[in-house]
């Protein structure tokens, strides 16, 4: 479930097969925040990434339990992506 001024663009397997990628975009044309409720079969590390699925430097990863909320800050009309992977990868 998604709450806030955002739309879920993608939930897909990462190109290299090492996890999944979630992508959101801001829909109201203003600085915004959103909350994405995740229900995953195992705990994951949510790693902020760019459109090419490379980790963003200087942006911390978030450890998520099986059912948890990922809080997202979005720039006006901006996009945000996370790579969800087992913490050991």
PDB file of N, CA and C in Angstrom:
ATOM      1  N   UNK A   1       0.842  -1.167   0.000  1.00  0.00           N
ATOM      2  CA  UNK A   1       0.000   0.000   0.000  1.00  0.00           C
ATOM      3  C   UNK A   1       0.892   1.237   0.000  1.00  0.00           C
ATOM      4  N   UNK A   2       0.458   2.293  -0.664  1.00  0.00           N
ATOM      5  CA  UNK A   2       1.210   3.529  -0.792  1.00  0.00           C
ATOM      6  C   UNK A   2       0.353   4.686  -0.298  1.00  0.00           C
ATOM      7  N   UNK A   3       0.938   5.537   0.540  1.00  0.00           N
ATOM      8  CA  UNK A   3       0.249   6.693   1.092  1.00  0.00           C
ATOM      9  C   UNK A   3       1.074   7.936   0.794  1.00  0.00           C
ATOM     10  N   UNK A   4       0.462   8.983   0.250  1.00  0.00           N
ATOM     11  CA  UNK A   4       1.171  10.223  -0.048  1.00  0.00           C
ATOM     12  C   UNK A   4       1.012  10.599  -1.503  1.00  0.00           C
ATOM     13  N   UNK A   5       1.733  11.652  -1.909  1.00  0.00           N
ATOM     14  CA  UNK A   5       1.651  12.155  -3.283  1.00  0.00           C
ATOM     15  C   UNK A   5       2.677  11.458  -4.170  1.00  0.00           C
ATOM     16  N   UNK A   6       2.504  10.174  -4.346  1.00  0.00           N
ATOM     17  CA  UNK A   6       3.457   9.384  -5.134  1.00  0.00           C
ATOM     18  C   UNK A   6       2.728   8.244  -5.828  1.00  0.00           C
ATOM     19  N   UNK A   7       3.342   7.760  -6.895  1.00  0.00           N
ATOM     20  CA  UNK A   7       2.833   6.591  -7.617  1.00  0.00           C
ATOM     21  C   UNK A   7       3.947   5.557  -7.678  1.00  0.00           C
ATOM     22  N   UNK A   8       3.575   4.322  -7.592  1.00  0.00           N
ATOM     23  CA  UNK A   8       4.518   3.213  -7.707  1.00  0.00           C
ATOM     24  C   UNK A   8       4.717   2.910  -9.187  1.00  0.00           C
ATOM     25  N   UNK A   9       5.930   3.136  -9.688  1.00  0.00           N
ATOM     26  CA  UNK A   9       6.226   2.918 -11.106  1.00  0.00           C
ATOM     27  C   UNK A   9       6.657   1.497 -11.407  1.00  0.00           C
ATOM     28  N   UNK A  10       7.428   0.902 -10.496  1.00  0.00           N
ATOM     29  CA  UNK A  10       7.989  -0.415 -10.806  1.00  0.00           C
ATOM     30  C   UNK A  10       8.277  -1.207  -9.549  1.00  0.00           C
ATOM     31  N   UNK A  11       8.052  -2.484  -9.639  1.00  0.00           N
ATOM     32  CA  UNK A  11       8.550  -3.491  -8.704  1.00  0.00           C
ATOM     33  C   UNK A  11       9.063  -4.583  -9.622  1.00  0.00           C
ATOM     34  N   UNK A  12      10.391  -4.716  -9.698  1.00  0.00           N
ATOM     35  CA  UNK A  12      10.964  -5.640 -10.678  1.00  0.00           C
ATOM     36  C   UNK A  12      12.235  -6.251 -10.136  1.00  0.00           C
ATOM     37  N   UNK A  13      12.600  -7.368 -10.709  1.00  0.00           N
ATOM     38  CA  UNK A  13      13.851  -7.999 -10.333  1.00  0.00           C
ATOM     39  C   UNK A  13      15.006  -7.127 -10.818  1.00  0.00           C
ATOM     40  N   UNK A  14      16.044  -6.998  -9.989  1.00  0.00           N
ATOM     41  CA  UNK A  14      17.227  -6.224 -10.377  1.00  0.00           C
ATOM     42  C   UNK A  14      17.860  -6.850 -11.617  1.00  0.00           C
ATOM     43  N   UNK A  15      18.495  -6.009 -12.443  1.00  0.00           N
ATOM     44  CA  UNK A  15      19.099  -6.501 -13.693  1.00  0.00           C
ATOM     45  C   UNK A  15      20.085  -7.638 -13.457  1.00  0.00           C
ATOM     46  N   UNK A  16      20.842  -7.566 -12.363  1.00  0.00           N
ATOM     47  CA  UNK A  16      21.836  -8.607 -12.104  1.00  0.00           C
ATOM     48  C   UNK A  16      21.270  -9.774 -11.299  1.00  0.00           C
ATOM     49  N   UNK A  17      19.971  -9.751 -10.996  1.00  0.00           N
ATOM     50  CA  UNK A  17      19.334 -10.845 -10.272  1.00  0.00           C
ATOM     51  C   UNK A  17      19.554 -10.808  -8.771  1.00  0.00           C
ATOM     52  N   UNK A  18      20.283  -9.809  -8.262  1.00  0.00           N
ATOM     53  CA  UNK A  18      20.604  -9.732  -6.838  1.00  0.00           C
ATOM     54  C   UNK A  18      19.628  -8.883  -6.054  1.00  0.00           C
ATOM     55  N   UNK A  19      18.368  -9.203  -6.083  1.00  0.00           N
ATOM     56  CA  UNK A  19      17.360  -8.461  -5.341  1.00  0.00           C
ATOM     57  C   UNK A  19      16.273  -7.915  -6.258  1.00  0.00           C
ATOM     58  N   UNK A  20      15.517  -6.977  -5.714  1.00  0.00           N
ATOM     59  CA  UNK A  20      14.392  -6.379  -6.425  1.00  0.00           C
ATOM     60  C   UNK A  20      14.524  -4.870  -6.377  1.00  0.00           C
ATOM     61  N   UNK A  21      13.946  -4.183  -7.339  1.00  0.00           N
ATOM     62  CA  UNK A  21      13.978  -2.730  -7.396  1.00  0.00           C
ATOM     63  C   UNK A  21      12.548  -2.201  -7.305  1.00  0.00           C
ATOM     64  N   UNK A  22      12.372  -1.194  -6.435  1.00  0.00           N
ATOM     65  CA  UNK A  22      11.098  -0.486  -6.295  1.00  0.00           C
ATOM     66  C   UNK A  22      11.346   0.950  -6.722  1.00  0.00           C
ATOM     67  N   UNK A  23      10.458   1.492  -7.547  1.00  0.00           N
ATOM     68  CA  UNK A  23      10.625   2.860  -8.039  1.00  0.00           C
ATOM     69  C   UNK A  23       9.325   3.637  -7.839  1.00  0.00           C
ATOM     70  N   UNK A  24       9.422   4.847  -7.258  1.00  0.00           N
ATOM     71  CA  UNK A  24       8.284   5.733  -7.024  1.00  0.00           C
ATOM     72  C   UNK A  24       8.523   7.066  -7.721  1.00  0.00           C
ATOM     73  N   UNK A  25       7.446   7.771  -8.056  1.00  0.00           N
ATOM     74  CA  UNK A  25       7.603   9.152  -8.517  1.00  0.00           C
ATOM     75  C   UNK A  25       6.555  10.044  -7.861  1.00  0.00           C
ATOM     76  N   UNK A  26       6.935  11.311  -7.665  1.00  0.00           N
ATOM     77  CA  UNK A  26       6.079  12.297  -7.012  1.00  0.00           C
ATOM     78  C   UNK A  26       5.041  12.788  -8.021  1.00  0.00           C
ATOM     79  N   UNK A  27       3.778  12.918  -7.598  1.00  0.00           N
ATOM     80  CA  UNK A  27       2.691  13.204  -8.530  1.00  0.00           C
ATOM     81  C   UNK A  27       2.022  14.567  -8.369  1.00  0.00           C
ATOM     82  N   UNK A  28       2.329  15.313  -7.307  1.00  0.00           N
ATOM     83  CA  UNK A  28       1.621  16.571  -7.054  1.00  0.00           C
ATOM     84  C   UNK A  28       2.404  17.800  -7.514  1.00  0.00           C
ATOM     85  N   UNK A  29       3.643  17.609  -7.965  1.00  0.00           N
ATOM     86  CA  UNK A  29       4.444  18.736  -8.430  1.00  0.00           C
ATOM     87  C   UNK A  29       5.013  19.595  -7.317  1.00  0.00           C
ATOM     88  N   UNK A  30       5.176  19.012  -6.134  1.00  0.00           N
ATOM     89  CA  UNK A  30       5.741  19.753  -4.997  1.00  0.00           C
ATOM     90  C   UNK A  30       6.573  18.798  -4.128  1.00  0.00           C
ATOM     91  N   UNK A  31       7.406  19.383  -3.279  1.00  0.00           N
ATOM     92  CA  UNK A  31       8.164  18.570  -2.322  1.00  0.00           C
ATOM     93  C   UNK A  31       7.173  17.736  -1.540  1.00  0.00           C
ATOM     94  N   UNK A  32       7.429  16.462  -1.402  1.00  0.00           N
ATOM     95  CA  UNK A  32       6.429  15.583  -0.821  1.00  0.00           C
ATOM     96  C   UNK A  32       7.093  14.431  -0.091  1.00  0.00           C
ATOM     97  N   UNK A  33       6.291  13.727   0.651  1.00  0.00           N
ATOM     98  CA  UNK A  33       6.747  12.493   1.277  1.00  0.00           C
ATOM     99  C   UNK A  33       5.677  11.431   1.057  1.00  0.00           C
ATOM    100  N   UNK A  34       6.111  10.206   1.113  1.00  0.00           N
ATOM    101  CA  UNK A  34       5.188   9.085   0.919  1.00  0.00           C
ATOM    102  C   UNK A  34       5.618   7.958   1.841  1.00  0.00           C
ATOM    103  N   UNK A  35       4.702   7.070   2.099  1.00  0.00           N
ATOM    104  CA  UNK A  35       4.994   5.871   2.889  1.00  0.00           C
ATOM    105  C   UNK A  35       4.548   4.656   2.077  1.00  0.00           C
ATOM    106  N   UNK A  36       5.458   3.726   1.936  1.00  0.00           N
ATOM    107  CA  UNK A  36       5.181   2.492   1.202  1.00  0.00           C
ATOM    108  C   UNK A  36       5.202   1.342   2.193  1.00  0.00           C
ATOM    109  N   UNK A  37       4.059   0.668   2.349  1.00  0.00           N
ATOM    110  CA  UNK A  37       3.975  -0.486   3.239  1.00  0.00           C
ATOM    111  C   UNK A  37       4.469  -1.705   2.486  1.00  0.00           C
ATOM    112  N   UNK A  38       5.504  -2.324   3.017  1.00  0.00           N
ATOM    113  CA  UNK A  38       6.094  -3.508   2.385  1.00  0.00           C
ATOM    114  C   UNK A  38       5.783  -4.754   3.194  1.00  0.00           C
ATOM    115  N   UNK A  39       5.431  -5.785   2.510  1.00  0.00           N
ATOM    116  CA  UNK A  39       5.281  -7.106   3.125  1.00  0.00           C
ATOM    117  C   UNK A  39       6.169  -8.024   2.290  1.00  0.00           C
ATOM    118  N   UNK A  40       7.316  -8.373   2.858  1.00  0.00           N
ATOM    119  CA  UNK A  40       8.321  -9.147   2.144  1.00  0.00           C
ATOM    120  C   UNK A  40       8.522 -10.461   2.874  1.00  0.00           C
ATOM    121  N   UNK A  41       8.867 -11.554   2.184  1.00  0.00           N
ATOM    122  CA  UNK A  41       8.985 -12.850   2.854  1.00  0.00           C
ATOM    123  C   UNK A  41      10.165 -12.961   3.825  1.00  0.00           C
ATOM    124  N   UNK A  42      11.103 -12.019   3.754  1.00  0.00           N
ATOM    125  CA  UNK A  42      12.257 -12.031   4.667  1.00  0.00           C
ATOM    126  C   UNK A  42      12.724 -10.599   4.873  1.00  0.00           C
ATOM    127  N   UNK A  43      13.472 -10.323   5.951  1.00  0.00           N
ATOM    128  CA  UNK A  43      14.019  -8.979   6.122  1.00  0.00           C
ATOM    129  C   UNK A  43      14.916  -8.625   4.935  1.00  0.00           C
ATOM    130  N   UNK A  44      14.943  -7.335   4.588  1.00  0.00           N
ATOM    131  CA  UNK A  44      15.745  -6.866   3.455  1.00  0.00           C
ATOM    132  C   UNK A  44      16.474  -5.580   3.823  1.00  0.00           C
ATOM    133  N   UNK A  45      17.494  -5.300   3.061  1.00  0.00           N
ATOM    134  CA  UNK A  45      18.180  -4.028   3.123  1.00  0.00           C
ATOM    135  C   UNK A  45      17.674  -3.209   1.940  1.00  0.00           C
ATOM    136  N   UNK A  46      17.107  -2.028   2.202  1.00  0.00           N
ATOM    137  CA  UNK A  46      16.631  -1.137   1.144  1.00  0.00           C
ATOM    138  C   UNK A  46      17.757  -0.151   0.852  1.00  0.00           C
ATOM    139  N   UNK A  47      18.358  -0.291  -0.316  1.00  0.00           N
ATOM    140  CA  UNK A  47      19.504   0.522  -0.716  1.00  0.00           C
ATOM    141  C   UNK A  47      19.035   1.552  -1.743  1.00  0.00           C
ATOM    142  N   UNK A  48      19.090   2.854  -1.417  1.00  0.00           N
ATOM    143  CA  UNK A  48      18.719   3.858  -2.414  1.00  0.00           C
ATOM    144  C   UNK A  48      19.625   3.727  -3.638  1.00  0.00           C
ATOM    145  N   UNK A  49      19.036   3.807  -4.817  1.00  0.00           N
ATOM    146  CA  UNK A  49      19.829   3.616  -6.031  1.00  0.00           C
ATOM    147  C   UNK A  49      19.369   4.571  -7.128  1.00  0.00           C
ATOM    148  N   UNK A  50      20.195   4.680  -8.170  1.00  0.00           N
ATOM    149  CA  UNK A  50      19.843   5.512  -9.316  1.00  0.00           C
ATOM    150  C   UNK A  50      19.053   4.677 -10.326  1.00  0.00           C
ATOM    151  N   UNK A  51      18.729   5.271 -11.456  1.00  0.00           N
ATOM    152  CA  UNK A  51      17.923   4.574 -12.460  1.00  0.00           C
ATOM    153  C   UNK A  51      18.650   3.383 -13.082  1.00  0.00           C
ATOM    154  N   UNK A  52      19.973   3.334 -12.941  1.00  0.00           N
ATOM    155  CA  UNK A  52      20.749   2.204 -13.447  1.00  0.00           C
ATOM    156  C   UNK A  52      21.006   1.167 -12.358  1.00  0.00           C
ATOM    157  N   UNK A  53      20.317   1.335 -11.211  1.00  0.00           N
ATOM    158  CA  UNK A  53      20.369   0.411 -10.083  1.00  0.00           C
ATOM    159  C   UNK A  53      21.708   0.417  -9.356  1.00  0.00           C
ATOM    160  N   UNK A  54      22.453   1.519  -9.466  1.00  0.00           N
ATOM    161  CA  UNK A  54      23.717   1.684  -8.733  1.00  0.00           C
ATOM    162  C   UNK A  54      23.409   2.380  -7.413  1.00  0.00           C
ATOM    163  N   UNK A  55      24.025   1.929  -6.306  1.00  0.00           N
ATOM    164  CA  UNK A  55      23.790   2.577  -5.002  1.00  0.00           C
ATOM    165  C   UNK A  55      24.160   4.062  -5.050  1.00  0.00           C
ATOM    166  N   UNK A  56      23.377   4.883  -4.355  1.00  0.00           N
ATOM    167  CA  UNK A  56      23.663   6.310  -4.261  1.00  0.00           C
ATOM    168  C   UNK A  56      24.671   6.535  -3.136  1.00  0.00           C
ATOM    169  N   UNK A  57      25.736   7.247  -3.422  1.00  0.00           N
ATOM    170  CA  UNK A  57      26.739   7.504  -2.390  1.00  0.00           C
ATOM    171  C   UNK A  57      26.218   8.566  -1.427  1.00  0.00           C
ATOM    172  N   UNK A  58      26.540   8.395  -0.161  1.00  0.00           N
ATOM    173  CA  UNK A  58      26.149   9.362   0.857  1.00  0.00           C
ATOM    174  C   UNK A  58      24.706   9.267   1.315  1.00  0.00           C
ATOM    175  N   UNK A  59      23.957   8.303   0.814  1.00  0.00           N
ATOM    176  CA  UNK A  59      22.561   8.123   1.226  1.00  0.00           C
ATOM    177  C   UNK A  59      22.477   6.786   1.955  1.00  0.00           C
ATOM    178  N   UNK A  60      22.042   6.786   3.225  1.00  0.00           N
ATOM    179  CA  UNK A  60      22.057   5.542   4.004  1.00  0.00           C
ATOM    180  C   UNK A  60      21.011   4.528   3.537  1.00  0.00           C
ATOM    181  N   UNK A  61      21.379   3.277   3.680  1.00  0.00           N
ATOM    182  CA  UNK A  61      20.447   2.174   3.431  1.00  0.00           C
ATOM    183  C   UNK A  61      19.573   2.000   4.672  1.00  0.00           C
ATOM    184  N   UNK A  62      18.458   1.292   4.501  1.00  0.00           N
ATOM    185  CA  UNK A  62      17.512   1.076   5.597  1.00  0.00           C
ATOM    186  C   UNK A  62      17.258  -0.417   5.724  1.00  0.00           C
ATOM    187  N   UNK A  63      17.392  -0.958   6.938  1.00  0.00           N
ATOM    188  CA  UNK A  63      17.066  -2.361   7.190  1.00  0.00           C
ATOM    189  C   UNK A  63      15.566  -2.451   7.460  1.00  0.00           C
ATOM    190  N   UNK A  64      14.873  -3.323   6.740  1.00  0.00           N
ATOM    191  CA  UNK A  64      13.424  -3.476   6.888  1.00  0.00           C
ATOM    192  C   UNK A  64      13.079  -4.896   7.298  1.00  0.00           C
ATOM    193  N   UNK A  65      12.233  -5.005   8.307  1.00  0.00           N
ATOM    194  CA  UNK A  65      11.696  -6.308   8.692  1.00  0.00           C
ATOM    195  C   UNK A  65      10.710  -6.778   7.616  1.00  0.00           C
ATOM    196  N   UNK A  66      10.122  -7.946   7.804  1.00  0.00           N
ATOM    197  CA  UNK A  66       9.227  -8.527   6.798  1.00  0.00           C
ATOM    198  C   UNK A  66       8.021  -7.640   6.486  1.00  0.00           C
ATOM    199  N   UNK A  67       7.465  -6.972   7.499  1.00  0.00           N
ATOM    200  CA  UNK A  67       6.348  -6.052   7.286  1.00  0.00           C
ATOM    201  C   UNK A  67       6.741  -4.729   7.913  1.00  0.00           C
ATOM    202  N   UNK A  68       7.012  -3.738   7.080  1.00  0.00           N
ATOM    203  CA  UNK A  68       7.453  -2.455   7.592  1.00  0.00           C
ATOM    204  C   UNK A  68       7.160  -1.363   6.576  1.00  0.00           C
ATOM    205  N   UNK A  69       7.210  -0.124   7.024  1.00  0.00           N
ATOM    206  CA  UNK A  69       6.952   1.035   6.173  1.00  0.00           C
ATOM    207  C   UNK A  69       8.277   1.651   5.743  1.00  0.00           C
ATOM    208  N   UNK A  70       8.405   1.916   4.449  1.00  0.00           N
ATOM    209  CA  UNK A  70       9.549   2.638   3.909  1.00  0.00           C
ATOM    210  C   UNK A  70       9.090   4.078   3.701  1.00  0.00           C
ATOM    211  N   UNK A  71       9.683   5.025   4.465  1.00  0.00           N
ATOM    212  CA  UNK A  71       9.344   6.443   4.343  1.00  0.00           C
ATOM    213  C   UNK A  71      10.221   7.059   3.263  1.00  0.00           C
ATOM    214  N   UNK A  72       9.588   7.852   2.384  1.00  0.00           N
ATOM    215  CA  UNK A  72      10.259   8.387   1.214  1.00  0.00           C
ATOM    216  C   UNK A  72      10.043   9.900   1.127  1.00  0.00           C
ATOM    217  N   UNK A  73      11.124  10.662   0.944  1.00  0.00           N
ATOM    218  CA  UNK A  73      11.025  12.082   0.635  1.00  0.00           C
ATOM    219  C   UNK A  73      11.272  12.234  -0.859  1.00  0.00           C
ATOM    220  N   UNK A  74      10.392  12.979  -1.517  1.00  0.00           N
ATOM    221  CA  UNK A  74      10.478  13.131  -2.970  1.00  0.00           C
ATOM    222  C   UNK A  74      10.527  14.605  -3.364  1.00  0.00           C
ATOM    223  N   UNK A  75      11.406  14.927  -4.305  1.00  0.00           N
ATOM    224  CA  UNK A  75      11.474  16.267  -4.884  1.00  0.00           C
ATOM    225  C   UNK A  75      10.265  16.459  -5.804  1.00  0.00           C
ATOM    226  N   UNK A  76       9.902  17.709  -6.098  1.00  0.00           N
ATOM    227  CA  UNK A  76       8.783  17.944  -7.020  1.00  0.00           C
ATOM    228  C   UNK A  76       8.987  17.195  -8.339  1.00  0.00           C
ATOM    229  N   UNK A  77       8.014  16.389  -8.706  1.00  0.00           N
ATOM    230  CA  UNK A  77       8.048  15.558  -9.918  1.00  0.00           C
ATOM    231  C   UNK A  77       9.266  14.635  -9.967  1.00  0.00           C
ATOM    232  N   UNK A  78       9.841  14.342  -8.812  1.00  0.00           N
ATOM    233  CA  UNK A  78      11.046  13.518  -8.743  1.00  0.00           C
ATOM    234  C   UNK A  78      10.761  12.029  -8.698  1.00  0.00           C
ATOM    235  N   UNK A  79      11.811  11.266  -8.865  1.00  0.00           N
ATOM    236  CA  UNK A  79      11.755   9.808  -8.839  1.00  0.00           C
ATOM    237  C   UNK A  79      12.722   9.297  -7.780  1.00  0.00           C
ATOM    238  N   UNK A  80      12.354   8.218  -7.118  1.00  0.00           N
ATOM    239  CA  UNK A  80      13.226   7.590  -6.134  1.00  0.00           C
ATOM    240  C   UNK A  80      13.172   6.075  -6.337  1.00  0.00           C
ATOM    241  N   UNK A  81      14.329   5.445  -6.221  1.00  0.00           N
ATOM    242  CA  UNK A  81      14.426   3.991  -6.409  1.00  0.00           C
ATOM    243  C   UNK A  81      15.172   3.366  -5.246  1.00  0.00           C
ATOM    244  N   UNK A  82      14.783   2.156  -4.892  1.00  0.00           N
ATOM    245  CA  UNK A  82      15.472   1.364  -3.871  1.00  0.00           C
ATOM    246  C   UNK A  82      15.664  -0.036  -4.386  1.00  0.00           C
ATOM    247  N   UNK A  83      16.792  -0.571  -4.047  1.00  0.00           N
ATOM    248  CA  UNK A  83      17.080  -1.972  -4.338  1.00  0.00           C
ATOM    249  C   UNK A  83      16.869  -2.729  -3.033  1.00  0.00           C
ATOM    250  N   UNK A  84      15.976  -3.709  -3.045  1.00  0.00           N
ATOM    251  CA  UNK A  84      15.713  -4.538  -1.866  1.00  0.00           C
ATOM    252  C   UNK A  84      16.496  -5.832  -2.025  1.00  0.00           C
ATOM    253  N   UNK A  85      17.349  -6.103  -1.043  1.00  0.00           N
ATOM    254  CA  UNK A  85      18.199  -7.288  -1.130  1.00  0.00           C
ATOM    255  C   UNK A  85      18.394  -7.884   0.253  1.00  0.00           C
ATOM    256  N   UNK A  86      18.684  -9.182   0.333  1.00  0.00           N
ATOM    257  CA  UNK A  86      18.992  -9.766   1.629  1.00  0.00           C
ATOM    258  C   UNK A  86      20.176  -9.023   2.243  1.00  0.00           C
ATOM    259  N   UNK A  87      20.182  -8.796   3.556  1.00  0.00           N
ATOM    260  CA  UNK A  87      21.246  -8.024   4.197  1.00  0.00           C
ATOM    261  C   UNK A  87      22.654  -8.576   3.955  1.00  0.00           C
ATOM    262  N   UNK A  88      22.799  -9.842   3.622  1.00  0.00           N
ATOM    263  CA  UNK A  88      24.126 -10.433   3.450  1.00  0.00           C
ATOM    264  C   UNK A  88      24.751 -10.120   2.095  1.00  0.00           C
ATOM    265  N   UNK A  89      23.989  -9.580   1.114  1.00  0.00           N
ATOM    266  CA  UNK A  89      24.542  -9.286  -0.204  1.00  0.00           C
ATOM    267  C   UNK A  89      25.333  -8.003  -0.201  1.00  0.00           C
TER     268      UNK A  89
END
